[in-house]
């Protein structure tokens, strides 16, 4: 199936010290554990995206795939107990067979949700995709540049690579600096304060290496504390 994870994909994204654990049998069991085709795509994407949490070598690969499955169910809106049951159906059934009540099961689920690995994966899931995959983006840029510079390639291929780079590396036309105004004052006072705060923010951005032209074209946004909306 197209959404099933492959051994090659895992080898490409997992730390090298875990490669010996990524056998064909492991991959088969991984795919068999996911029955829902709608969930399979989400799980695969997350499985290949959050491998940064494995870099320090503290977690086993089975712990990782289980934690990603749990977090994936949570991100799709499942309650904690439901996500836990889907991730560990046998473990959940054993608790029920042993006579554990809902409160006891909830305590086990809460403890699992607070484990370091699950917390780390939740933190990864909150990061924008382009940040998580920054290294992949840079690799793609390098490939496009090598194609553009390859004199043996056709003119069209080199031109397409150049256009791709210009599109991807283009600086934003305008930056928006949001200023949170919490004081209940007049509109004129708000803008006067906002201008002062924006100038200060511009200086900070420039000192931090931001593009001067982009900062010069920035908009000013005043955040209304009552409704959270920005006034430009």
C-alpha atoms as a PDB file:
ATOM      1  CA  UNK A   1       0.000   0.000   0.000  1.00  0.00           C
ATOM      2  CA  UNK A   2       1.161   3.510  -0.810  1.00  0.00           C
ATOM      3  CA  UNK A   3       0.790   4.786   2.773  1.00  0.00           C
ATOM      4  CA  UNK A   4       2.693   1.917   4.362  1.00  0.00           C
ATOM      5  CA  UNK A   5       6.097   2.844   5.713  1.00  0.00           C
ATOM      6  CA  UNK A   6       9.053   1.140   4.046  1.00  0.00           C
ATOM      7  CA  UNK A   7      12.344  -0.061   5.462  1.00  0.00           C
ATOM      8  CA  UNK A   8      14.208   2.353   3.183  1.00  0.00           C
ATOM      9  CA  UNK A   9      12.245   5.309   4.549  1.00  0.00           C
ATOM     10  CA  UNK A  10      12.987   4.330   8.133  1.00  0.00           C
ATOM     11  CA  UNK A  11      16.673   3.817   7.399  1.00  0.00           C
ATOM     12  CA  UNK A  12      16.828   7.245   5.781  1.00  0.00           C
ATOM     13  CA  UNK A  13      15.239   9.065   8.730  1.00  0.00           C
ATOM     14  CA  UNK A  14      16.260   7.058  11.800  1.00  0.00           C
ATOM     15  CA  UNK A  15      19.620   7.516  13.562  1.00  0.00           C
ATOM     16  CA  UNK A  16      22.245   5.092  12.238  1.00  0.00           C
ATOM     17  CA  UNK A  17      22.646   3.434  15.642  1.00  0.00           C
ATOM     18  CA  UNK A  18      19.098   2.067  15.309  1.00  0.00           C
ATOM     19  CA  UNK A  19      19.484   0.650  11.808  1.00  0.00           C
ATOM     20  CA  UNK A  20      20.167  -2.879  13.038  1.00  0.00           C
ATOM     21  CA  UNK A  21      16.720  -2.905  14.638  1.00  0.00           C
ATOM     22  CA  UNK A  22      14.954  -1.957  11.410  1.00  0.00           C
ATOM     23  CA  UNK A  23      14.439  -5.409   9.932  1.00  0.00           C
ATOM     24  CA  UNK A  24      11.879  -6.483   7.354  1.00  0.00           C
ATOM     25  CA  UNK A  25       9.996  -8.276  10.141  1.00  0.00           C
ATOM     26  CA  UNK A  26       9.909  -5.099  12.225  1.00  0.00           C
ATOM     27  CA  UNK A  27       8.567  -3.052   9.318  1.00  0.00           C
ATOM     28  CA  UNK A  28       5.915  -5.675   8.530  1.00  0.00           C
ATOM     29  CA  UNK A  29       4.722  -5.747  12.143  1.00  0.00           C
ATOM     30  CA  UNK A  30       4.689  -1.945  12.168  1.00  0.00           C
ATOM     31  CA  UNK A  31       2.395  -1.793   9.153  1.00  0.00           C
ATOM     32  CA  UNK A  32       0.168  -4.641  10.357  1.00  0.00           C
ATOM     33  CA  UNK A  33      -0.474  -2.775  13.607  1.00  0.00           C
ATOM     34  CA  UNK A  34      -2.217   0.037  11.712  1.00  0.00           C
ATOM     35  CA  UNK A  35      -5.531  -1.141  10.318  1.00  0.00           C
ATOM     36  CA  UNK A  36      -7.284   2.164   9.598  1.00  0.00           C
ATOM     37  CA  UNK A  37      -6.267   3.430   6.120  1.00  0.00           C
ATOM     38  CA  UNK A  38      -7.243   6.995   7.034  1.00  0.00           C
ATOM     39  CA  UNK A  39      -4.974   6.915  10.077  1.00  0.00           C
ATOM     40  CA  UNK A  40      -2.124   5.157   8.263  1.00  0.00           C
ATOM     41  CA  UNK A  41      -1.091   8.226   6.241  1.00  0.00           C
ATOM     42  CA  UNK A  42      -0.987  10.515   9.282  1.00  0.00           C
ATOM     43  CA  UNK A  43       0.924   7.953  11.315  1.00  0.00           C
ATOM     44  CA  UNK A  44       3.480   7.417   8.567  1.00  0.00           C
ATOM     45  CA  UNK A  45       4.134  11.141   8.172  1.00  0.00           C
ATOM     46  CA  UNK A  46       4.570  11.613  11.909  1.00  0.00           C
ATOM     47  CA  UNK A  47       6.725   8.505  12.237  1.00  0.00           C
ATOM     48  CA  UNK A  48       9.193   9.876   9.702  1.00  0.00           C
ATOM     49  CA  UNK A  49       9.072  13.456  11.003  1.00  0.00           C
ATOM     50  CA  UNK A  50       9.772  13.248  14.745  1.00  0.00           C
ATOM     51  CA  UNK A  51      12.939  11.119  14.702  1.00  0.00           C
ATOM     52  CA  UNK A  52      14.959  13.980  16.226  1.00  0.00           C
ATOM     53  CA  UNK A  53      13.844  12.728  19.635  1.00  0.00           C
ATOM     54  CA  UNK A  54      15.916   9.573  19.053  1.00  0.00           C
ATOM     55  CA  UNK A  55      19.238  11.330  18.515  1.00  0.00           C
ATOM     56  CA  UNK A  56      20.439  11.076  22.113  1.00  0.00           C
ATOM     57  CA  UNK A  57      19.946   7.300  22.159  1.00  0.00           C
ATOM     58  CA  UNK A  58      17.807   7.170  25.306  1.00  0.00           C
ATOM     59  CA  UNK A  59      14.769   5.595  23.688  1.00  0.00           C
ATOM     60  CA  UNK A  60      14.212   2.295  21.926  1.00  0.00           C
ATOM     61  CA  UNK A  61      12.664   2.208  18.485  1.00  0.00           C
ATOM     62  CA  UNK A  62       9.600   0.285  19.678  1.00  0.00           C
ATOM     63  CA  UNK A  63       8.993   2.898  22.346  1.00  0.00           C
ATOM     64  CA  UNK A  64       9.203   5.555  19.647  1.00  0.00           C
ATOM     65  CA  UNK A  65       6.715   3.959  17.238  1.00  0.00           C
ATOM     66  CA  UNK A  66       4.239   3.406  20.085  1.00  0.00           C
ATOM     67  CA  UNK A  67       4.575   6.981  21.333  1.00  0.00           C
ATOM     68  CA  UNK A  68       4.127   8.394  17.819  1.00  0.00           C
ATOM     69  CA  UNK A  69       0.999   6.281  17.383  1.00  0.00           C
ATOM     70  CA  UNK A  70      -0.423   7.622  20.649  1.00  0.00           C
ATOM     71  CA  UNK A  71       0.400  11.240  19.770  1.00  0.00           C
ATOM     72  CA  UNK A  72      -1.009  10.801  16.258  1.00  0.00           C
ATOM     73  CA  UNK A  73      -4.341   9.620  17.664  1.00  0.00           C
ATOM     74  CA  UNK A  74      -4.349  12.582  20.041  1.00  0.00           C
ATOM     75  CA  UNK A  75      -3.611  15.049  17.225  1.00  0.00           C
ATOM     76  CA  UNK A  76      -6.598  13.651  15.344  1.00  0.00           C
ATOM     77  CA  UNK A  77      -8.849  14.500  18.274  1.00  0.00           C
ATOM     78  CA  UNK A  78      -9.062  11.291  20.311  1.00  0.00           C
ATOM     79  CA  UNK A  79      -9.410  11.520  24.066  1.00  0.00           C
ATOM     80  CA  UNK A  80      -6.476  10.268  26.122  1.00  0.00           C
ATOM     81  CA  UNK A  81      -8.028   6.911  27.046  1.00  0.00           C
ATOM     82  CA  UNK A  82      -9.229   6.307  23.479  1.00  0.00           C
ATOM     83  CA  UNK A  83      -5.772   7.087  22.050  1.00  0.00           C
ATOM     84  CA  UNK A  84      -4.181   4.783  24.632  1.00  0.00           C
ATOM     85  CA  UNK A  85      -6.625   1.978  23.856  1.00  0.00           C
ATOM     86  CA  UNK A  86      -5.925   2.235  20.119  1.00  0.00           C
ATOM     87  CA  UNK A  87      -2.174   2.322  20.728  1.00  0.00           C
ATOM     88  CA  UNK A  88      -2.057  -0.498  23.283  1.00  0.00           C
ATOM     89  CA  UNK A  89      -5.192  -2.628  22.758  1.00  0.00           C
ATOM     90  CA  UNK A  90      -3.681  -5.693  24.431  1.00  0.00           C
ATOM     91  CA  UNK A  91      -2.399  -3.682  27.399  1.00  0.00           C
ATOM     92  CA  UNK A  92      -5.803  -2.037  27.808  1.00  0.00           C
ATOM     93  CA  UNK A  93      -7.600  -5.388  27.639  1.00  0.00           C
ATOM     94  CA  UNK A  94      -5.254  -6.871  30.242  1.00  0.00           C
ATOM     95  CA  UNK A  95      -6.093  -4.035  32.621  1.00  0.00           C
ATOM     96  CA  UNK A  96      -9.801  -4.648  32.086  1.00  0.00           C
ATOM     97  CA  UNK A  97      -9.370  -8.392  32.626  1.00  0.00           C
ATOM     98  CA  UNK A  98      -7.550  -7.695  35.876  1.00  0.00           C
ATOM     99  CA  UNK A  99     -10.565  -5.705  37.078  1.00  0.00           C
ATOM    100  CA  UNK A 100      -9.138  -2.204  36.740  1.00  0.00           C
ATOM    101  CA  UNK A 101     -11.863   0.450  36.892  1.00  0.00           C
ATOM    102  CA  UNK A 102     -12.012   3.558  34.702  1.00  0.00           C
ATOM    103  CA  UNK A 103     -10.240   5.698  37.295  1.00  0.00           C
ATOM    104  CA  UNK A 104      -7.331   3.265  37.526  1.00  0.00           C
ATOM    105  CA  UNK A 105      -7.019   3.013  33.764  1.00  0.00           C
ATOM    106  CA  UNK A 106      -7.109   6.802  33.480  1.00  0.00           C
ATOM    107  CA  UNK A 107      -4.217   7.048  35.926  1.00  0.00           C
ATOM    108  CA  UNK A 108      -2.149   4.659  33.775  1.00  0.00           C
ATOM    109  CA  UNK A 109      -3.007   6.680  30.681  1.00  0.00           C
ATOM    110  CA  UNK A 110      -2.126   9.962  32.396  1.00  0.00           C
ATOM    111  CA  UNK A 111       1.217   8.546  33.513  1.00  0.00           C
ATOM    112  CA  UNK A 112       2.021   7.405  29.978  1.00  0.00           C
ATOM    113  CA  UNK A 113       1.078  10.773  28.505  1.00  0.00           C
ATOM    114  CA  UNK A 114       3.566  12.444  30.872  1.00  0.00           C
ATOM    115  CA  UNK A 115       6.511  10.205  29.961  1.00  0.00           C
ATOM    116  CA  UNK A 116       9.512  12.041  28.577  1.00  0.00           C
ATOM    117  CA  UNK A 117       9.285  10.491  25.131  1.00  0.00           C
ATOM    118  CA  UNK A 118       5.609  11.340  24.632  1.00  0.00           C
ATOM    119  CA  UNK A 119       6.191  14.891  25.858  1.00  0.00           C
ATOM    120  CA  UNK A 120       9.115  15.309  23.446  1.00  0.00           C
ATOM    121  CA  UNK A 121       7.030  14.094  20.507  1.00  0.00           C
ATOM    122  CA  UNK A 122       4.193  16.432  21.445  1.00  0.00           C
ATOM    123  CA  UNK A 123       6.737  19.269  21.441  1.00  0.00           C
ATOM    124  CA  UNK A 124       7.906  18.217  17.981  1.00  0.00           C
ATOM    125  CA  UNK A 125       4.329  18.135  16.720  1.00  0.00           C
ATOM    126  CA  UNK A 126       3.897  21.789  17.710  1.00  0.00           C
ATOM    127  CA  UNK A 127       6.843  22.864  15.563  1.00  0.00           C
ATOM    128  CA  UNK A 128       6.090  24.041  12.015  1.00  0.00           C
ATOM    129  CA  UNK A 129       6.829  21.402   9.395  1.00  0.00           C
ATOM    130  CA  UNK A 130       9.335  23.649   7.633  1.00  0.00           C
ATOM    131  CA  UNK A 131      11.355  23.934  10.838  1.00  0.00           C
ATOM    132  CA  UNK A 132      11.380  20.187  11.491  1.00  0.00           C
ATOM    133  CA  UNK A 133      12.438  19.497   7.907  1.00  0.00           C
ATOM    134  CA  UNK A 134      14.921  22.350   7.560  1.00  0.00           C
ATOM    135  CA  UNK A 135      17.748  19.915   6.761  1.00  0.00           C
ATOM    136  CA  UNK A 136      15.683  18.316   3.988  1.00  0.00           C
ATOM    137  CA  UNK A 137      14.885  21.756   2.588  1.00  0.00           C
ATOM    138  CA  UNK A 138      18.578  22.648   2.494  1.00  0.00           C
ATOM    139  CA  UNK A 139      19.383  19.374   0.725  1.00  0.00           C
ATOM    140  CA  UNK A 140      16.749  20.177  -1.898  1.00  0.00           C
ATOM    141  CA  UNK A 141      18.233  23.637  -2.384  1.00  0.00           C
ATOM    142  CA  UNK A 142      21.686  22.109  -2.827  1.00  0.00           C
ATOM    143  CA  UNK A 143      20.378  19.676  -5.439  1.00  0.00           C
ATOM    144  CA  UNK A 144      18.641  22.433  -7.368  1.00  0.00           C
ATOM    145  CA  UNK A 145      21.812  24.526  -7.285  1.00  0.00           C
ATOM    146  CA  UNK A 146      23.944  21.645  -8.583  1.00  0.00           C
ATOM    147  CA  UNK A 147      21.485  21.153 -11.450  1.00  0.00           C
ATOM    148  CA  UNK A 148      21.525  24.866 -12.244  1.00  0.00           C
ATOM    149  CA  UNK A 149      25.333  24.872 -12.342  1.00  0.00           C
ATOM    150  CA  UNK A 150      25.620  21.644 -14.381  1.00  0.00           C
ATOM    151  CA  UNK A 151      26.707  22.683 -17.876  1.00  0.00           C
ATOM    152  CA  UNK A 152      25.916  19.192 -19.192  1.00  0.00           C
ATOM    153  CA  UNK A 153      22.235  19.575 -18.354  1.00  0.00           C
ATOM    154  CA  UNK A 154      19.830  21.000 -20.893  1.00  0.00           C
ATOM    155  CA  UNK A 155      19.021  24.708 -20.880  1.00  0.00           C
ATOM    156  CA  UNK A 156      15.425  24.018 -19.802  1.00  0.00           C
ATOM    157  CA  UNK A 157      16.457  21.806 -16.896  1.00  0.00           C
ATOM    158  CA  UNK A 158      18.954  24.406 -15.676  1.00  0.00           C
ATOM    159  CA  UNK A 159      16.403  27.186 -16.135  1.00  0.00           C
ATOM    160  CA  UNK A 160      13.749  25.260 -14.174  1.00  0.00           C
ATOM    161  CA  UNK A 161      16.227  24.687 -11.342  1.00  0.00           C
ATOM    162  CA  UNK A 162      17.123  28.385 -11.295  1.00  0.00           C
ATOM    163  CA  UNK A 163      13.454  29.415 -11.250  1.00  0.00           C
ATOM    164  CA  UNK A 164      12.802  26.982  -8.402  1.00  0.00           C
ATOM    165  CA  UNK A 165      15.613  28.504  -6.371  1.00  0.00           C
ATOM    166  CA  UNK A 166      14.423  32.052  -7.021  1.00  0.00           C
ATOM    167  CA  UNK A 167      10.935  31.099  -5.893  1.00  0.00           C
ATOM    168  CA  UNK A 168      11.979  29.227  -2.767  1.00  0.00           C
ATOM    169  CA  UNK A 169      14.655  31.667  -1.656  1.00  0.00           C
ATOM    170  CA  UNK A 170      12.775  34.889  -2.337  1.00  0.00           C
ATOM    171  CA  UNK A 171      12.545  37.162   0.679  1.00  0.00           C
ATOM    172  CA  UNK A 172       9.059  38.065   1.883  1.00  0.00           C
ATOM    173  CA  UNK A 173       7.872  41.366   0.432  1.00  0.00           C
ATOM    174  CA  UNK A 174       6.688  42.700   3.719  1.00  0.00           C
ATOM    175  CA  UNK A 175       7.099  41.910   7.386  1.00  0.00           C
ATOM    176  CA  UNK A 176       4.325  42.433   9.902  1.00  0.00           C
ATOM    177  CA  UNK A 177       5.298  43.504  13.398  1.00  0.00           C
ATOM    178  CA  UNK A 178       2.523  42.898  15.880  1.00  0.00           C
ATOM    179  CA  UNK A 179       2.273  45.149  18.901  1.00  0.00           C
ATOM    180  CA  UNK A 180       0.066  44.061  21.773  1.00  0.00           C
ATOM    181  CA  UNK A 181      -1.677  47.118  23.218  1.00  0.00           C
ATOM    182  CA  UNK A 182      -3.185  46.321  26.582  1.00  0.00           C
ATOM    183  CA  UNK A 183      -3.741  49.873  27.835  1.00  0.00           C
ATOM    184  CA  UNK A 184      -7.271  51.207  27.378  1.00  0.00           C
ATOM    185  CA  UNK A 185      -6.469  54.566  25.813  1.00  0.00           C
ATOM    186  CA  UNK A 186      -7.577  56.566  22.817  1.00  0.00           C
ATOM    187  CA  UNK A 187      -6.879  55.460  19.257  1.00  0.00           C
ATOM    188  CA  UNK A 188      -4.302  58.229  18.829  1.00  0.00           C
ATOM    189  CA  UNK A 189      -2.500  57.189  22.009  1.00  0.00           C
ATOM    190  CA  UNK A 190      -2.555  53.570  20.862  1.00  0.00           C
ATOM    191  CA  UNK A 191      -0.896  54.389  17.572  1.00  0.00           C
ATOM    192  CA  UNK A 192       1.643  56.660  19.189  1.00  0.00           C
ATOM    193  CA  UNK A 193       2.659  53.924  21.605  1.00  0.00           C
ATOM    194  CA  UNK A 194       2.560  51.337  18.842  1.00  0.00           C
ATOM    195  CA  UNK A 195       4.897  53.401  16.681  1.00  0.00           C
ATOM    196  CA  UNK A 196       7.418  53.707  19.512  1.00  0.00           C
ATOM    197  CA  UNK A 197       7.219  49.986  20.207  1.00  0.00           C
ATOM    198  CA  UNK A 198       7.555  49.172  16.511  1.00  0.00           C
ATOM    199  CA  UNK A 199      10.684  51.309  16.178  1.00  0.00           C
ATOM    200  CA  UNK A 200      12.187  49.522  19.165  1.00  0.00           C
ATOM    201  CA  UNK A 201      11.262  46.152  17.672  1.00  0.00           C
ATOM    202  CA  UNK A 202      12.776  47.145  14.322  1.00  0.00           C
ATOM    203  CA  UNK A 203      16.059  48.024  15.991  1.00  0.00           C
ATOM    204  CA  UNK A 204      16.090  44.665  17.756  1.00  0.00           C
ATOM    205  CA  UNK A 205      15.433  42.803  14.492  1.00  0.00           C
ATOM    206  CA  UNK A 206      18.154  44.721  12.642  1.00  0.00           C
ATOM    207  CA  UNK A 207      20.653  44.024  15.436  1.00  0.00           C
ATOM    208  CA  UNK A 208      19.688  40.357  15.139  1.00  0.00           C
ATOM    209  CA  UNK A 209      20.608  40.304  11.449  1.00  0.00           C
ATOM    210  CA  UNK A 210      17.178  40.822   9.845  1.00  0.00           C
ATOM    211  CA  UNK A 211      16.963  42.277   6.348  1.00  0.00           C
ATOM    212  CA  UNK A 212      16.845  46.082   6.550  1.00  0.00           C
ATOM    213  CA  UNK A 213      14.716  46.510   3.418  1.00  0.00           C
ATOM    214  CA  UNK A 214      12.182  43.976   4.676  1.00  0.00           C
ATOM    215  CA  UNK A 215      11.971  45.744   8.028  1.00  0.00           C
ATOM    216  CA  UNK A 216      11.528  49.107   6.301  1.00  0.00           C
ATOM    217  CA  UNK A 217       8.459  47.753   4.489  1.00  0.00           C
ATOM    218  CA  UNK A 218       6.918  46.248   7.617  1.00  0.00           C
ATOM    219  CA  UNK A 219       3.316  46.855   8.605  1.00  0.00           C
ATOM    220  CA  UNK A 220       2.154  47.823  12.045  1.00  0.00           C
ATOM    221  CA  UNK A 221      -0.557  45.743  13.710  1.00  0.00           C
ATOM    222  CA  UNK A 222      -2.241  46.618  16.969  1.00  0.00           C
ATOM    223  CA  UNK A 223      -3.672  43.603  18.808  1.00  0.00           C
ATOM    224  CA  UNK A 224      -7.020  44.316  20.373  1.00  0.00           C
ATOM    225  CA  UNK A 225      -6.876  42.695  23.857  1.00  0.00           C
ATOM    226  CA  UNK A 226     -10.646  42.200  23.886  1.00  0.00           C
ATOM    227  CA  UNK A 227     -11.087  40.128  20.757  1.00  0.00           C
ATOM    228  CA  UNK A 228      -7.479  39.164  19.936  1.00  0.00           C
ATOM    229  CA  UNK A 229      -7.771  40.598  16.394  1.00  0.00           C
ATOM    230  CA  UNK A 230      -5.193  42.804  14.768  1.00  0.00           C
ATOM    231  CA  UNK A 231      -5.910  46.312  13.523  1.00  0.00           C
ATOM    232  CA  UNK A 232      -3.533  47.488  10.773  1.00  0.00           C
END
